[in-house]
């Protein structure tokens, strides 16, 4: 029998899955279904960070001015970009859940909002060309 823990948002250990998935190459979904627990493969999982003597708090800098927070944010982004096999799923999760703060998929909140605006402009431009 599998034990289930409460799901947490962000960079915490995920809840146990009802059915194991076949690794990071498996199909992932945002929610529901056997492949919904993409977080188990995230490079930012608390257990993986602790093994490197890092805190999950580096993914949630409290200031955009303090040098230590800027350094933490850059370190967190590097972990996402260089090591994480589920970066795209993480970005979709942040977008779908409305996370405005924190590093998700290698981007901070401002970068995610800018990317979303850019995508909306590109879609609008494309729709205008199709008319």
Protein backbone atom coordinates (compact mmCIF):
# COMPACT_ATOMS: atom_id res chain seq x y z
CA UNK A 1 0.00 0.00 0.00
CA UNK A 2 1.38 3.42 -0.97
CA UNK A 3 1.36 6.20 1.58
CA UNK A 4 0.24 9.60 0.34
CA UNK A 5 1.47 12.87 1.81
CA UNK A 6 -0.11 16.23 1.22
CA UNK A 7 1.00 17.83 -2.05
CA UNK A 8 3.06 20.95 -1.74
CA UNK A 9 3.48 23.80 -4.15
CA UNK A 10 6.94 24.70 -5.29
CA UNK A 11 10.18 23.04 -4.47
CA UNK A 12 9.29 20.48 -1.85
CA UNK A 13 9.26 16.73 -1.90
CA UNK A 14 6.24 15.58 -3.93
CA UNK A 15 3.51 13.29 -2.74
CA UNK A 16 3.95 9.59 -3.44
CA UNK A 17 2.35 8.50 -6.68
CA UNK A 18 -0.31 5.87 -7.01
CA UNK A 19 1.58 4.29 -9.89
CA UNK A 20 5.27 4.66 -10.66
CA UNK A 21 6.15 6.31 -13.95
CA UNK A 22 8.90 5.28 -16.29
CA UNK A 23 11.36 8.08 -15.55
CA UNK A 24 11.93 11.59 -16.84
CA UNK A 25 11.32 10.61 -20.46
CA UNK A 26 7.76 9.54 -19.66
CA UNK A 27 4.81 11.68 -20.72
CA UNK A 28 4.01 14.32 -18.12
CA UNK A 29 0.78 16.16 -17.54
CA UNK A 30 0.01 19.21 -15.41
CA UNK A 31 -2.51 17.45 -13.22
CA UNK A 32 -4.25 14.13 -12.94
CA UNK A 33 -3.33 10.76 -14.35
CA UNK A 34 -0.39 8.50 -13.59
CA UNK A 35 2.18 10.94 -14.99
CA UNK A 36 1.06 13.97 -13.00
CA UNK A 37 3.85 13.72 -10.43
CA UNK A 38 6.59 15.26 -12.58
CA UNK A 39 8.01 16.91 -9.46
CA UNK A 40 9.60 13.65 -8.40
CA UNK A 41 12.13 14.19 -11.23
CA UNK A 42 12.81 17.88 -10.50
CA UNK A 43 16.39 18.94 -9.84
CA UNK A 44 15.07 21.28 -7.14
CA UNK A 45 13.60 18.57 -4.93
CA UNK A 46 14.43 19.25 -1.31
CA UNK A 47 16.27 15.93 -0.89
CA UNK A 48 18.47 16.62 -3.92
CA UNK A 49 19.25 20.13 -2.72
CA UNK A 50 20.06 18.99 0.81
CA UNK A 51 22.55 16.48 -0.63
CA UNK A 52 24.35 19.49 -2.13
CA UNK A 53 24.00 21.50 1.09
CA UNK A 54 21.55 23.92 -0.55
CA UNK A 55 18.20 25.12 0.74
CA UNK A 56 14.99 25.16 -1.32
CA UNK A 57 14.71 28.81 -0.26
CA UNK A 58 17.16 29.74 -3.04
CA UNK A 59 14.21 29.29 -5.41
CA UNK A 60 12.27 31.99 -3.54
CA UNK A 61 14.53 35.02 -3.12
CA UNK A 62 13.01 37.69 -0.87
CA UNK A 63 14.71 40.65 -2.53
CA UNK A 64 15.75 41.65 -6.02
CA UNK A 65 18.31 44.06 -4.59
CA UNK A 66 20.26 42.11 -1.96
CA UNK A 67 23.43 40.60 -3.38
CA UNK A 68 22.92 37.29 -1.55
CA UNK A 69 19.39 36.91 -2.94
CA UNK A 70 20.55 37.75 -6.45
CA UNK A 71 23.30 35.14 -6.16
CA UNK A 72 20.79 32.56 -4.84
CA UNK A 73 18.38 33.29 -7.70
CA UNK A 74 21.16 32.88 -10.27
CA UNK A 75 22.21 29.59 -8.65
CA UNK A 76 18.59 28.37 -8.69
CA UNK A 77 18.17 29.32 -12.37
CA UNK A 78 21.38 27.49 -13.24
CA UNK A 79 20.12 24.33 -11.52
CA UNK A 80 16.93 24.53 -13.58
CA UNK A 81 18.58 25.25 -16.91
CA UNK A 82 21.55 22.91 -16.60
CA UNK A 83 20.17 19.96 -14.65
CA UNK A 84 16.38 19.70 -14.65
CA UNK A 85 14.65 17.20 -16.96
CA UNK A 86 11.17 18.58 -16.19
CA UNK A 87 11.76 22.28 -16.77
CA UNK A 88 8.88 22.65 -19.26
CA UNK A 89 6.43 20.96 -16.88
CA UNK A 90 7.57 23.27 -14.10
CA UNK A 91 6.94 26.35 -16.24
CA UNK A 92 3.47 25.07 -17.17
CA UNK A 93 2.75 24.41 -13.50
CA UNK A 94 3.77 27.96 -12.50
CA UNK A 95 1.60 29.41 -15.26
CA UNK A 96 -1.43 27.22 -14.54
CA UNK A 97 -1.27 27.74 -10.78
CA UNK A 98 -0.66 31.48 -10.96
CA UNK A 99 2.68 31.40 -9.13
CA UNK A 100 3.96 34.96 -9.38
CA UNK A 101 7.02 34.56 -7.16
CA UNK A 102 9.89 32.13 -7.13
CA UNK A 103 12.07 30.45 -9.72
CA UNK A 104 10.18 27.93 -11.85
CA UNK A 105 11.64 26.35 -14.96
CA UNK A 106 14.67 28.61 -14.78
CA UNK A 107 12.68 31.86 -14.84
CA UNK A 108 11.67 34.26 -12.09
CA UNK A 109 8.21 35.83 -11.94
CA UNK A 110 9.15 38.88 -14.02
CA UNK A 111 10.79 36.70 -16.68
CA UNK A 112 7.75 34.40 -16.85
CA UNK A 113 5.39 37.37 -17.25
CA UNK A 114 7.62 38.84 -19.99
CA UNK A 115 7.73 35.49 -21.82
CA UNK A 116 3.94 35.21 -21.59
CA UNK A 117 3.48 38.74 -23.00
CA UNK A 118 5.90 37.95 -25.84
CA UNK A 119 4.00 34.75 -26.68
CA UNK A 120 0.67 36.62 -26.64
CA UNK A 121 2.05 39.31 -28.97
CA UNK A 122 3.40 36.64 -31.33
CA UNK A 123 0.01 34.88 -31.39
CA UNK A 124 -1.81 38.16 -32.00
CA UNK A 125 0.58 39.03 -34.83
CA UNK A 126 0.16 35.56 -36.34
CA UNK A 127 -3.63 35.82 -36.10
CA UNK A 128 -3.48 39.22 -37.82
CA UNK A 129 -1.46 37.78 -40.70
CA UNK A 130 -3.93 34.95 -41.13
CA UNK A 131 -6.86 37.35 -41.56
